[in-house]
Amino acid sequence: MSLQSGKLPHRLLRKMIGYRGAKDESVILGPRIGEDAAVVDLGKEVLILKTDPISYATEEIGWYAVNINANDIATMGARPKWLQICLLLPPGMSPKDVEKIFRQVDIACKSLGIAVTGGHTEVNPWLDRPIIVGDIHGICRKEDLVLTSGAKVGNAIVLTKGAGIEGTATLAREKRAHLLGRFSKAFIRRAANYLYDPGISVVNEALLGAKLGATSMHDPTEGGILVGLYEVAEASNKGFLVYADEIIVRKETEALCEFFGLDPLGLLGSGSLLVALPKRNVDAYLDALREEGIKGSEIGEIKSRGYGRKIVRDGKKEPLRFSQRDEILKVL
């Protein structure tokens, strides 16, 4: 079997994450499908560790790297604190271009209160675009830890902001010349600005969720909302019923997906957050989001594993179907 672009197939990944090196009793949570980060026991507190690359975008990759890694710390109930970056550059980049990336990292870290603690840089002759890998750490009290695997039967599922936030920004930035013949410059600017508004950070809504009783939080990335839902269910060994009509799809996202023939629910999803929480807490959480200017909607319910993983689309209830290959790879 030859591999396609995107995430490793889950069947292969399950085998690969069995190679875990030496056993360490302080590792509370190691490699596991659906979990956003690793957790190490520090006594009364836990250390949360995450690493993620940015390989699809070429613009603002420093901003992407900080926020996408910080998201995965916050979904565990912690505030991101320390970042290291590995920056691989293609030949021919100017010092000014390199400094631009470092400035993006600096600005994003300052906005979230994150310290840059080190990293690595090199110019690699095999690359034609820069690739940045973030490695980020945070700490929280043990009792505040939230795991993706914590979703409980009967929990409501809330989605913040909407589908395809990151994908919308990436399409507008990477395919701008292609879009100019169909869309106005103002439209393309709005879509490109999804990076900042509504934004790809979910730190605020994740920390709010942790305070309001979230049992599970997960930020969809590659494969969008559909893969994110599957990963929550897989991590928690649960099923779900989700209503596609309740998932927010913003007008710029809808228009770009229609133009390129993409499913917005399978498009790069950073910027949205899947939250499982008791139904009695949903209104309080949605109210807290509104106070922060963040949209959110209740999209479904956690069910038993035996119920299956189902979605209602166009009035028809059917098993969840998804591709681990992100929709954006059809056009990039």
C-alpha atoms as a PDB file:
ATOM      1  CA  MET A   1       0.000   0.000   0.000  1.00  0.00           C
ATOM      2  CA  SER A   2       1.389   3.384  -0.978  1.00  0.00           C
ATOM      3  CA  LEU A   3       0.465   6.322   1.233  1.00  0.00           C
ATOM      4  CA  GLN A   4      -1.487   9.372   0.093  1.00  0.00           C
ATOM      5  CA  SER A   5      -1.021  12.917   1.331  1.00  0.00           C
ATOM      6  CA  GLY A   6      -2.597  13.679   4.698  1.00  0.00           C
ATOM      7  CA  LYS A   7      -2.800  11.828   7.997  1.00  0.00           C
ATOM      8  CA  LEU A   8      -1.669   8.223   8.285  1.00  0.00           C
ATOM      9  CA  PRO A   9      -4.597   5.811   7.915  1.00  0.00           C
ATOM     10  CA  HIS A  10      -5.850   4.939  11.392  1.00  0.00           C
ATOM     11  CA  ARG A  11      -5.235   1.217  10.883  1.00  0.00           C
ATOM     12  CA  LEU A  12      -1.546   1.910  10.215  1.00  0.00           C
ATOM     13  CA  LEU A  13      -1.315   4.580  12.910  1.00  0.00           C
ATOM     14  CA  ARG A  14      -2.659   2.197  15.566  1.00  0.00           C
ATOM     15  CA  LYS A  15       0.247  -0.121  14.797  1.00  0.00           C
ATOM     16  CA  MET A  16       2.856   2.646  14.714  1.00  0.00           C
ATOM     17  CA  ILE A  17       1.915   4.158  18.079  1.00  0.00           C
ATOM     18  CA  GLY A  18       2.683   0.820  19.695  1.00  0.00           C
ATOM     19  CA  TYR A  19       6.380   1.694  19.395  1.00  0.00           C
ATOM     20  CA  ARG A  20       6.682   3.747  22.590  1.00  0.00           C
ATOM     21  CA  GLY A  21      10.274   3.444  23.745  1.00  0.00           C
ATOM     22  CA  ALA A  22      11.026   2.910  27.417  1.00  0.00           C
ATOM     23  CA  LYS A  23       8.199   2.514  29.908  1.00  0.00           C
ATOM     24  CA  ASP A  24       7.724   5.499  32.234  1.00  0.00           C
ATOM     25  CA  GLU A  25       5.141   5.370  35.012  1.00  0.00           C
ATOM     26  CA  SER A  26       4.866   9.174  35.067  1.00  0.00           C
ATOM     27  CA  VAL A  27       3.339   9.186  31.557  1.00  0.00           C
ATOM     28  CA  ILE A  28      -0.397   9.392  32.241  1.00  0.00           C
ATOM     29  CA  LEU A  29      -1.331   9.686  28.574  1.00  0.00           C
ATOM     30  CA  GLY A  30       0.944   8.693  25.728  1.00  0.00           C
ATOM     31  CA  PRO A  31       0.297   8.205  22.002  1.00  0.00           C
ATOM     32  CA  ARG A  32      -3.395   7.611  21.342  1.00  0.00           C
ATOM     33  CA  ILE A  33      -5.723   8.286  18.407  1.00  0.00           C
ATOM     34  CA  GLY A  34      -7.975  11.250  19.084  1.00  0.00           C
ATOM     35  CA  GLU A  35      -6.062  12.700  22.018  1.00  0.00           C
ATOM     36  CA  ASP A  36      -4.590  16.129  21.343  1.00  0.00           C
ATOM     37  CA  ALA A  37      -1.466  15.952  23.521  1.00  0.00           C
ATOM     38  CA  ALA A  38       0.556  13.844  25.952  1.00  0.00           C
ATOM     39  CA  VAL A  39       0.288  14.141  29.742  1.00  0.00           C
ATOM     40  CA  VAL A  40       3.049  13.609  32.326  1.00  0.00           C
ATOM     41  CA  ASP A  41       2.416  13.361  36.084  1.00  0.00           C
ATOM     42  CA  LEU A  42       4.190  16.022  38.170  1.00  0.00           C
ATOM     43  CA  GLY A  43       2.422  15.264  41.441  1.00  0.00           C
ATOM     44  CA  LYS A  44      -0.353  17.767  42.105  1.00  0.00           C
ATOM     45  CA  GLU A  45       0.033  19.100  38.558  1.00  0.00           C
ATOM     46  CA  VAL A  46       0.438  17.598  35.104  1.00  0.00           C
ATOM     47  CA  LEU A  47       2.706  18.627  32.240  1.00  0.00           C
ATOM     48  CA  ILE A  48       1.020  18.652  28.827  1.00  0.00           C
ATOM     49  CA  LEU A  49       3.161  18.292  25.698  1.00  0.00           C
ATOM     50  CA  LYS A  50       2.251  18.744  22.039  1.00  0.00           C
ATOM     51  CA  THR A  51       4.004  18.901  18.694  1.00  0.00           C
ATOM     52  CA  ASP A  52       2.498  19.789  15.306  1.00  0.00           C
ATOM     53  CA  PRO A  53       3.862  20.924  11.924  1.00  0.00           C
ATOM     54  CA  ILE A  54       2.563  23.526   9.503  1.00  0.00           C
ATOM     55  CA  SER A  55       2.996  22.199   5.983  1.00  0.00           C
ATOM     56  CA  TYR A  56      -0.011  23.369   3.924  1.00  0.00           C
ATOM     57  CA  ALA A  57       0.312  27.140   4.351  1.00  0.00           C
ATOM     58  CA  THR A  58       3.186  29.317   3.145  1.00  0.00           C
ATOM     59  CA  GLU A  59       1.904  32.700   4.379  1.00  0.00           C
ATOM     60  CA  GLU A  60       1.806  33.491   8.116  1.00  0.00           C
ATOM     61  CA  ILE A  61       3.236  30.093   9.015  1.00  0.00           C
ATOM     62  CA  GLY A  62       4.639  31.448  12.272  1.00  0.00           C
ATOM     63  CA  TRP A  63       1.152  32.507  13.382  1.00  0.00           C
ATOM     64  CA  TYR A  64      -0.268  29.134  12.362  1.00  0.00           C
ATOM     65  CA  ALA A  65       2.433  27.209  14.230  1.00  0.00           C
ATOM     66  CA  VAL A  66       1.894  28.968  17.545  1.00  0.00           C
ATOM     67  CA  ASN A  67      -1.898  28.911  17.511  1.00  0.00           C
ATOM     68  CA  ILE A  68      -2.422  25.377  16.254  1.00  0.00           C
ATOM     69  CA  ASN A  69      -0.057  23.963  18.867  1.00  0.00           C
ATOM     70  CA  ALA A  70      -1.454  26.191  21.631  1.00  0.00           C
ATOM     71  CA  ASN A  71      -4.961  24.956  20.817  1.00  0.00           C
ATOM     72  CA  ASP A  72      -4.055  21.395  21.712  1.00  0.00           C
ATOM     73  CA  ILE A  73      -2.730  22.411  25.126  1.00  0.00           C
ATOM     74  CA  ALA A  74      -5.875  24.426  25.898  1.00  0.00           C
ATOM     75  CA  THR A  75      -8.207  21.575  24.887  1.00  0.00           C
ATOM     76  CA  MET A  76      -6.687  19.597  27.756  1.00  0.00           C
ATOM     77  CA  GLY A  77      -7.681  22.330  30.219  1.00  0.00           C
ATOM     78  CA  ALA A  78      -4.277  24.024  30.488  1.00  0.00           C
ATOM     79  CA  ARG A  79      -2.854  27.368  29.447  1.00  0.00           C
ATOM     80  CA  PRO A  80       0.029  27.045  26.940  1.00  0.00           C
ATOM     81  CA  LYS A  81       3.292  28.365  28.392  1.00  0.00           C
ATOM     82  CA  TRP A  82       6.479  27.331  26.562  1.00  0.00           C
ATOM     83  CA  LEU A  83       7.224  26.866  22.841  1.00  0.00           C
ATOM     84  CA  GLN A  84      10.132  25.489  20.863  1.00  0.00           C
ATOM     85  CA  ILE A  85      10.188  25.628  17.079  1.00  0.00           C
ATOM     86  CA  CYS A  86      11.989  23.693  14.366  1.00  0.00           C
ATOM     87  CA  LEU A  87      12.132  25.802  11.191  1.00  0.00           C
ATOM     88  CA  LEU A  88      13.191  24.139   7.936  1.00  0.00           C
ATOM     89  CA  LEU A  89      13.797  26.592   5.095  1.00  0.00           C
ATOM     90  CA  PRO A  90      14.262  26.114   1.339  1.00  0.00           C
ATOM     91  CA  PRO A  91      17.326  27.541  -0.389  1.00  0.00           C
ATOM     92  CA  GLY A  92      16.883  31.049  -1.762  1.00  0.00           C
ATOM     93  CA  MET A  93      14.913  32.598   1.076  1.00  0.00           C
ATOM     94  CA  SER A  94      16.121  36.026   2.110  1.00  0.00           C
ATOM     95  CA  PRO A  95      17.042  37.015   5.680  1.00  0.00           C
ATOM     96  CA  LYS A  96      14.050  39.368   5.542  1.00  0.00           C
ATOM     97  CA  ASP A  97      11.717  36.436   4.802  1.00  0.00           C
ATOM     98  CA  VAL A  98      13.188  34.457   7.697  1.00  0.00           C
ATOM     99  CA  GLU A  99      12.781  37.390  10.079  1.00  0.00           C
ATOM    100  CA  LYS A 100       9.150  37.719   8.975  1.00  0.00           C
ATOM    101  CA  ILE A 101       8.448  34.181  10.204  1.00  0.00           C
ATOM    102  CA  PHE A 102      10.163  34.838  13.525  1.00  0.00           C
ATOM    103  CA  ARG A 103       8.160  38.043  13.966  1.00  0.00           C
ATOM    104  CA  GLN A 104       4.940  36.089  13.365  1.00  0.00           C
ATOM    105  CA  VAL A 105       5.943  33.605  16.070  1.00  0.00           C
ATOM    106  CA  ASP A 106       6.843  36.447  18.432  1.00  0.00           C
ATOM    107  CA  ILE A 107       3.545  38.308  17.950  1.00  0.00           C
ATOM    108  CA  ALA A 108       1.430  35.161  18.303  1.00  0.00           C
ATOM    109  CA  CYS A 109       3.291  34.069  21.441  1.00  0.00           C
ATOM    110  CA  LYS A 110       2.934  37.485  23.066  1.00  0.00           C
ATOM    111  CA  SER A 111      -0.812  37.462  22.356  1.00  0.00           C
ATOM    112  CA  LEU A 112      -1.174  34.176  24.280  1.00  0.00           C
ATOM    113  CA  GLY A 113       1.438  34.702  26.993  1.00  0.00           C
ATOM    114  CA  ILE A 114       3.776  32.016  25.634  1.00  0.00           C
ATOM    115  CA  ALA A 115       7.575  32.125  26.012  1.00  0.00           C
ATOM    116  CA  VAL A 116       9.815  30.870  23.196  1.00  0.00           C
ATOM    117  CA  THR A 117      12.383  28.636  24.889  1.00  0.00           C
ATOM    118  CA  GLY A 118      14.486  27.487  21.940  1.00  0.00           C
ATOM    119  CA  GLY A 119      14.420  25.369  18.813  1.00  0.00           C
ATOM    120  CA  HIS A 120      16.325  24.625  15.623  1.00  0.00           C
ATOM    121  CA  THR A 121      16.723  26.208  12.169  1.00  0.00           C
ATOM    122  CA  GLU A 122      18.265  24.980   8.937  1.00  0.00           C
ATOM    123  CA  VAL A 123      18.221  25.530   5.185  1.00  0.00           C
ATOM    124  CA  ASN A 124      17.304  22.213   3.581  1.00  0.00           C
ATOM    125  CA  PRO A 125      18.116  21.596  -0.110  1.00  0.00           C
ATOM    126  CA  TRP A 126      15.192  19.162  -0.497  1.00  0.00           C
ATOM    127  CA  LEU A 127      12.476  21.712   0.299  1.00  0.00           C
ATOM    128  CA  ASP A 128      10.633  24.133  -1.980  1.00  0.00           C
ATOM    129  CA  ARG A 129       8.694  25.838   0.843  1.00  0.00           C
ATOM    130  CA  PRO A 130       9.308  26.527   4.526  1.00  0.00           C
ATOM    131  CA  ILE A 131       8.067  24.004   7.074  1.00  0.00           C
ATOM    132  CA  ILE A 132       7.730  24.871  10.741  1.00  0.00           C
ATOM    133  CA  VAL A 133       7.173  22.417  13.573  1.00  0.00           C
ATOM    134  CA  GLY A 134       6.034  23.608  16.983  1.00  0.00           C
ATOM    135  CA  ASP A 135       6.637  21.833  20.287  1.00  0.00           C
ATOM    136  CA  ILE A 136       4.599  23.381  23.090  1.00  0.00           C
ATOM    137  CA  HIS A 137       4.113  22.669  26.793  1.00  0.00           C
ATOM    138  CA  GLY A 138       1.662  23.727  29.478  1.00  0.00           C
ATOM    139  CA  ILE A 139       0.792  22.877  33.076  1.00  0.00           C
ATOM    140  CA  CYS A 140      -2.513  22.497  34.910  1.00  0.00           C
ATOM    141  CA  ARG A 141      -3.794  21.024  38.159  1.00  0.00           C
ATOM    142  CA  LYS A 142      -4.469  17.316  37.875  1.00  0.00           C
ATOM    143  CA  GLU A 143      -8.153  17.790  38.706  1.00  0.00           C
ATOM    144  CA  ASP A 144      -8.536  20.324  35.860  1.00  0.00           C
ATOM    145  CA  LEU A 145      -7.271  17.947  33.154  1.00  0.00           C
ATOM    146  CA  VAL A 146      -9.733  17.315  30.288  1.00  0.00           C
ATOM    147  CA  LEU A 147      -9.175  14.349  27.967  1.00  0.00           C
ATOM    148  CA  THR A 148     -10.775  13.745  24.581  1.00  0.00           C
ATOM    149  CA  SER A 149     -11.575  10.268  25.901  1.00  0.00           C
ATOM    150  CA  GLY A 150     -13.780  11.735  28.651  1.00  0.00           C
ATOM    151  CA  ALA A 151     -16.976  12.117  26.581  1.00  0.00           C
ATOM    152  CA  LYS A 152     -19.976  10.526  28.333  1.00  0.00           C
ATOM    153  CA  VAL A 153     -23.214   9.073  26.974  1.00  0.00           C
ATOM    154  CA  GLY A 154     -25.895  11.770  27.009  1.00  0.00           C
ATOM    155  CA  ASN A 155     -23.445  14.662  26.748  1.00  0.00           C
ATOM    156  CA  ALA A 156     -24.335  17.390  24.291  1.00  0.00           C
ATOM    157  CA  ILE A 157     -21.866  18.174  21.508  1.00  0.00           C
ATOM    158  CA  VAL A 158     -21.168  21.862  20.905  1.00  0.00           C
ATOM    159  CA  LEU A 159     -19.156  23.236  17.986  1.00  0.00           C
ATOM    160  CA  THR A 160     -17.636  26.710  18.152  1.00  0.00           C
ATOM    161  CA  LYS A 161     -17.186  29.176  15.258  1.00  0.00           C
ATOM    162  CA  GLY A 162     -18.021  26.779  12.437  1.00  0.00           C
ATOM    163  CA  ALA A 163     -16.558  24.444   9.846  1.00  0.00           C
ATOM    164  CA  GLY A 164     -13.464  24.992   7.728  1.00  0.00           C
ATOM    165  CA  ILE A 165     -12.095  28.165   9.355  1.00  0.00           C
ATOM    166  CA  GLU A 166      -8.442  27.342   8.718  1.00  0.00           C
ATOM    167  CA  GLY A 167      -9.210  25.882   5.309  1.00  0.00           C
ATOM    168  CA  THR A 168     -11.051  29.021   4.227  1.00  0.00           C
ATOM    169  CA  ALA A 169      -8.098  31.232   5.137  1.00  0.00           C
ATOM    170  CA  THR A 170      -5.641  28.869   3.465  1.00  0.00           C
ATOM    171  CA  LEU A 171      -7.633  28.645   0.217  1.00  0.00           C
ATOM    172  CA  ALA A 172      -7.963  32.429   0.011  1.00  0.00           C
ATOM    173  CA  ARG A 173      -4.246  32.956   0.624  1.00  0.00           C
ATOM    174  CA  GLU A 174      -2.800  30.109  -1.440  1.00  0.00           C
ATOM    175  CA  LYS A 175      -5.237  30.297  -4.403  1.00  0.00           C
ATOM    176  CA  ARG A 176      -5.757  34.068  -4.552  1.00  0.00           C
ATOM    177  CA  ALA A 177      -4.767  34.438  -8.214  1.00  0.00           C
ATOM    178  CA  HIS A 178      -7.141  31.624  -9.163  1.00  0.00           C
ATOM    179  CA  LEU A 179     -10.012  33.235  -7.252  1.00  0.00           C
ATOM    180  CA  LEU A 180      -9.692  36.767  -8.625  1.00  0.00           C
ATOM    181  CA  GLY A 181     -11.617  35.944 -11.775  1.00  0.00           C
ATOM    182  CA  ARG A 182     -14.655  34.829  -9.770  1.00  0.00           C
ATOM    183  CA  PHE A 183     -14.624  36.728  -6.463  1.00  0.00           C
ATOM    184  CA  SER A 184     -14.063  40.346  -5.512  1.00  0.00           C
ATOM    185  CA  LYS A 185     -10.866  41.468  -3.803  1.00  0.00           C
ATOM    186  CA  ALA A 186     -12.940  42.386  -0.756  1.00  0.00           C
ATOM    187  CA  PHE A 187     -14.362  38.847  -0.558  1.00  0.00           C
ATOM    188  CA  ILE A 188     -10.898  37.292  -0.844  1.00  0.00           C
ATOM    189  CA  ARG A 189      -9.559  39.624   1.865  1.00  0.00           C
ATOM    190  CA  ARG A 190     -12.397  38.639   4.206  1.00  0.00           C
ATOM    191  CA  ALA A 191     -11.770  34.943   3.607  1.00  0.00           C
ATOM    192  CA  ALA A 192      -8.005  35.316   4.028  1.00  0.00           C
ATOM    193  CA  ASN A 193      -8.602  37.178   7.283  1.00  0.00           C
ATOM    194  CA  TYR A 194     -10.333  34.106   8.769  1.00  0.00           C
ATOM    195  CA  LEU A 195      -6.848  33.422  10.120  1.00  0.00           C
ATOM    196  CA  TYR A 196      -7.534  36.260  12.588  1.00  0.00           C
ATOM    197  CA  ASP A 197     -11.320  36.763  12.475  1.00  0.00           C
ATOM    198  CA  PRO A 198     -12.952  34.520  13.581  1.00  0.00           C
ATOM    199  CA  GLY A 199      -9.403  33.228  14.033  1.00  0.00           C
ATOM    200  CA  ILE A 200      -7.746  29.840  14.324  1.00  0.00           C
ATOM    201  CA  SER A 201      -7.126  30.048  18.078  1.00  0.00           C
ATOM    202  CA  VAL A 202      -9.505  28.130  20.349  1.00  0.00           C
ATOM    203  CA  VAL A 203      -7.630  28.863  23.581  1.00  0.00           C
ATOM    204  CA  ASN A 204     -10.350  31.130  25.000  1.00  0.00           C
ATOM    205  CA  GLU A 205     -13.279  28.825  24.247  1.00  0.00           C
ATOM    206  CA  ALA A 206     -11.347  25.778  25.482  1.00  0.00           C
ATOM    207  CA  LEU A 207     -10.515  27.391  28.823  1.00  0.00           C
ATOM    208  CA  LEU A 208     -14.165  28.467  29.135  1.00  0.00           C
ATOM    209  CA  GLY A 209     -15.245  24.905  28.393  1.00  0.00           C
ATOM    210  CA  ALA A 210     -12.931  23.550  31.072  1.00  0.00           C
ATOM    211  CA  LYS A 211     -14.473  25.920  33.632  1.00  0.00           C
ATOM    212  CA  LEU A 212     -18.019  24.954  32.648  1.00  0.00           C
ATOM    213  CA  GLY A 213     -17.758  21.205  32.991  1.00  0.00           C
ATOM    214  CA  ALA A 214     -16.537  19.979  29.600  1.00  0.00           C
ATOM    215  CA  THR A 215     -15.895  16.241  29.718  1.00  0.00           C
ATOM    216  CA  SER A 216     -14.098  16.181  26.353  1.00  0.00           C
ATOM    217  CA  MET A 217     -12.660  18.816  24.007  1.00  0.00           C
ATOM    218  CA  HIS A 218     -11.014  18.383  20.626  1.00  0.00           C
ATOM    219  CA  ASP A 219      -9.996  20.858  17.936  1.00  0.00           C
ATOM    220  CA  PRO A 220     -10.501  19.468  14.428  1.00  0.00           C
ATOM    221  CA  THR A 221      -7.532  19.901  12.093  1.00  0.00           C
ATOM    222  CA  GLU A 222      -6.870  17.751   9.007  1.00  0.00           C
ATOM    223  CA  GLY A 223     -10.077  16.179   7.752  1.00  0.00           C
ATOM    224  CA  GLY A 224     -12.180  18.882   9.373  1.00  0.00           C
ATOM    225  CA  ILE A 225     -15.263  18.426  11.533  1.00  0.00           C
ATOM    226  CA  LEU A 226     -15.988  14.908  10.260  1.00  0.00           C
ATOM    227  CA  VAL A 227     -12.593  13.506  11.227  1.00  0.00           C
ATOM    228  CA  GLY A 228     -12.717  15.483  14.477  1.00  0.00           C
ATOM    229  CA  LEU A 229     -16.007  13.841  15.432  1.00  0.00           C
ATOM    230  CA  TYR A 230     -14.621  10.410  14.615  1.00  0.00           C
ATOM    231  CA  GLU A 231     -11.526  11.085  16.731  1.00  0.00           C
ATOM    232  CA  VAL A 232     -13.632  12.120  19.737  1.00  0.00           C
ATOM    233  CA  ALA A 233     -15.723   8.967  19.379  1.00  0.00           C
ATOM    234  CA  GLU A 234     -12.684   6.751  18.882  1.00  0.00           C
ATOM    235  CA  ALA A 235     -10.812   8.192  21.868  1.00  0.00           C
ATOM    236  CA  SER A 236     -13.827   7.857  24.172  1.00  0.00           C
ATOM    237  CA  ASN A 237     -15.112   4.553  22.724  1.00  0.00           C
ATOM    238  CA  LYS A 238     -18.517   6.143  22.124  1.00  0.00           C
ATOM    239  CA  GLY A 239     -20.994   6.784  19.327  1.00  0.00           C
ATOM    240  CA  PHE A 240     -22.849   9.970  18.459  1.00  0.00           C
ATOM    241  CA  LEU A 241     -25.699  11.505  16.530  1.00  0.00           C
ATOM    242  CA  VAL A 242     -24.904  14.816  14.829  1.00  0.00           C
ATOM    243  CA  TYR A 243     -27.117  17.114  12.763  1.00  0.00           C
ATOM    244  CA  ALA A 244     -25.239  18.657   9.838  1.00  0.00           C
ATOM    245  CA  ASP A 245     -27.767  21.503   9.581  1.00  0.00           C
ATOM    246  CA  GLU A 246     -26.719  22.685  13.061  1.00  0.00           C
ATOM    247  CA  ILE A 247     -23.062  23.057  12.046  1.00  0.00           C
ATOM    248  CA  ILE A 248     -22.213  26.673  11.270  1.00  0.00           C
ATOM    249  CA  VAL A 249     -20.822  27.124   7.747  1.00  0.00           C
ATOM    250  CA  ARG A 250     -19.917  30.756   7.138  1.00  0.00           C
ATOM    251  CA  LYS A 251     -20.753  32.332   3.797  1.00  0.00           C
ATOM    252  CA  GLU A 252     -17.144  32.702   2.624  1.00  0.00           C
ATOM    253  CA  THR A 253     -16.470  29.065   3.487  1.00  0.00           C
ATOM    254  CA  GLU A 254     -19.608  27.942   1.683  1.00  0.00           C
ATOM    255  CA  ALA A 255     -18.785  29.986  -1.423  1.00  0.00           C
ATOM    256  CA  LEU A 256     -15.184  28.773  -1.682  1.00  0.00           C
ATOM    257  CA  CYS A 257     -16.179  25.150  -1.129  1.00  0.00           C
ATOM    258  CA  GLU A 258     -18.864  25.412  -3.798  1.00  0.00           C
ATOM    259  CA  PHE A 259     -16.341  26.964  -6.215  1.00  0.00           C
ATOM    260  CA  PHE A 260     -13.740  24.228  -5.679  1.00  0.00           C
ATOM    261  CA  GLY A 261     -16.230  21.370  -5.201  1.00  0.00           C
ATOM    262  CA  LEU A 262     -15.245  20.679  -1.588  1.00  0.00           C
ATOM    263  CA  ASP A 263     -17.189  19.507   1.456  1.00  0.00           C
ATOM    264  CA  PRO A 264     -16.796  22.184   4.170  1.00  0.00           C
ATOM    265  CA  LEU A 265     -17.237  19.537   6.871  1.00  0.00           C
ATOM    266  CA  GLY A 266     -14.051  17.830   5.644  1.00  0.00           C
ATOM    267  CA  LEU A 267     -11.984  21.011   5.315  1.00  0.00           C
ATOM    268  CA  LEU A 268      -9.071  22.025   7.573  1.00  0.00           C
ATOM    269  CA  GLY A 269     -10.833  22.786  10.829  1.00  0.00           C
ATOM    270  CA  SER A 270      -8.506  24.709  13.153  1.00  0.00           C
ATOM    271  CA  GLY A 271     -10.436  27.584  14.703  1.00  0.00           C
ATOM    272  CA  SER A 272     -13.382  25.421  15.713  1.00  0.00           C
ATOM    273  CA  LEU A 273     -13.689  23.387  18.894  1.00  0.00           C
ATOM    274  CA  LEU A 274     -15.734  20.261  19.570  1.00  0.00           C
ATOM    275  CA  VAL A 275     -16.922  20.237  23.176  1.00  0.00           C
ATOM    276  CA  ALA A 276     -18.807  17.457  24.959  1.00  0.00           C
ATOM    277  CA  LEU A 277     -20.492  18.583  28.165  1.00  0.00           C
ATOM    278  CA  PRO A 278     -23.585  17.851  30.266  1.00  0.00           C
ATOM    279  CA  LYS A 279     -26.748  19.145  28.597  1.00  0.00           C
ATOM    280  CA  ARG A 280     -27.563  21.245  31.663  1.00  0.00           C
ATOM    281  CA  ASN A 281     -24.370  23.262  31.009  1.00  0.00           C
ATOM    282  CA  VAL A 282     -24.960  23.995  27.314  1.00  0.00           C
ATOM    283  CA  ASP A 283     -26.827  27.287  27.729  1.00  0.00           C
ATOM    284  CA  ALA A 284     -24.236  28.614  30.184  1.00  0.00           C
ATOM    285  CA  TYR A 285     -21.425  27.702  27.788  1.00  0.00           C
ATOM    286  CA  LEU A 286     -23.115  29.251  24.749  1.00  0.00           C
ATOM    287  CA  ASP A 287     -23.824  32.406  26.797  1.00  0.00           C
ATOM    288  CA  ALA A 288     -20.172  32.576  27.870  1.00  0.00           C
ATOM    289  CA  LEU A 289     -19.091  32.217  24.240  1.00  0.00           C
ATOM    290  CA  ARG A 290     -21.423  35.034  23.163  1.00  0.00           C
ATOM    291  CA  GLU A 291     -19.961  37.317  25.823  1.00  0.00           C
ATOM    292  CA  GLU A 292     -16.557  36.722  24.200  1.00  0.00           C
ATOM    293  CA  GLY A 293     -17.969  37.342  20.711  1.00  0.00           C
ATOM    294  CA  ILE A 294     -17.651  33.678  19.728  1.00  0.00           C
ATOM    295  CA  LYS A 295     -20.372  31.826  17.820  1.00  0.00           C
ATOM    296  CA  GLY A 296     -21.357  28.348  18.898  1.00  0.00           C
ATOM    297  CA  SER A 297     -24.089  25.791  18.282  1.00  0.00           C
ATOM    298  CA  GLU A 298     -25.280  22.522  19.780  1.00  0.00           C
ATOM    299  CA  ILE A 299     -24.850  19.993  16.978  1.00  0.00           C
ATOM    300  CA  GLY A 300     -25.636  16.620  18.520  1.00  0.00           C
ATOM    301  CA  GLU A 301     -25.298  14.130  21.356  1.00  0.00           C
ATOM    302  CA  ILE A 302     -22.843  11.492  22.547  1.00  0.00           C
ATOM    303  CA  LYS A 303     -24.317   7.982  22.320  1.00  0.00           C
ATOM    304  CA  SER A 304     -23.159   4.509  23.289  1.00  0.00           C
ATOM    305  CA  ARG A 305     -20.629   2.756  21.054  1.00  0.00           C
ATOM    306  CA  GLY A 306     -23.330   0.298  20.046  1.00  0.00           C
ATOM    307  CA  TYR A 307     -25.502   3.109  18.669  1.00  0.00           C
ATOM    308  CA  GLY A 308     -22.876   3.878  16.063  1.00  0.00           C
ATOM    309  CA  ARG A 309     -21.582   7.167  14.693  1.00  0.00           C
ATOM    310  CA  LYS A 310     -24.316   8.818  12.695  1.00  0.00           C
ATOM    311  CA  ILE A 311     -24.980  12.118  10.991  1.00  0.00           C
ATOM    312  CA  VAL A 312     -28.209  13.593   9.640  1.00  0.00           C
ATOM    313  CA  ARG A 313     -27.594  15.310   6.276  1.00  0.00           C
ATOM    314  CA  ASP A 314     -30.377  16.542   4.007  1.00  0.00           C
ATOM    315  CA  GLY A 315     -32.912  14.947   6.343  1.00  0.00           C
ATOM    316  CA  LYS A 316     -31.349  11.478   6.096  1.00  0.00           C
ATOM    317  CA  LYS A 317     -29.695   9.706   9.015  1.00  0.00           C
ATOM    318  CA  GLU A 318     -26.667   7.750   7.863  1.00  0.00           C
ATOM    319  CA  PRO A 319     -23.394   6.361   9.226  1.00  0.00           C
ATOM    320  CA  LEU A 320     -20.578   8.895   9.386  1.00  0.00           C
ATOM    321  CA  ARG A 321     -18.434   8.719   6.270  1.00  0.00           C
ATOM    322  CA  PHE A 322     -15.227  10.681   5.975  1.00  0.00           C
ATOM    323  CA  SER A 323     -11.830  10.772   4.337  1.00  0.00           C
ATOM    324  CA  GLN A 324      -8.639  11.132   6.340  1.00  0.00           C
ATOM    325  CA  ARG A 325      -7.303  13.027   3.332  1.00  0.00           C
ATOM    326  CA  ASP A 326      -8.324  16.638   3.837  1.00  0.00           C
ATOM    327  CA  GLU A 327     -10.560  18.258   1.243  1.00  0.00           C
ATOM    328  CA  ILE A 328      -8.015  21.037   0.685  1.00  0.00           C
ATOM    329  CA  LEU A 329      -5.589  18.552  -0.877  1.00  0.00           C
ATOM    330  CA  LYS A 330      -7.906  18.328  -3.882  1.00  0.00           C
ATOM    331  CA  VAL A 331      -6.820  21.829  -4.900  1.00  0.00           C
ATOM    332  CA  LEU A 332      -3.406  22.449  -3.288  1.00  0.00           C
END
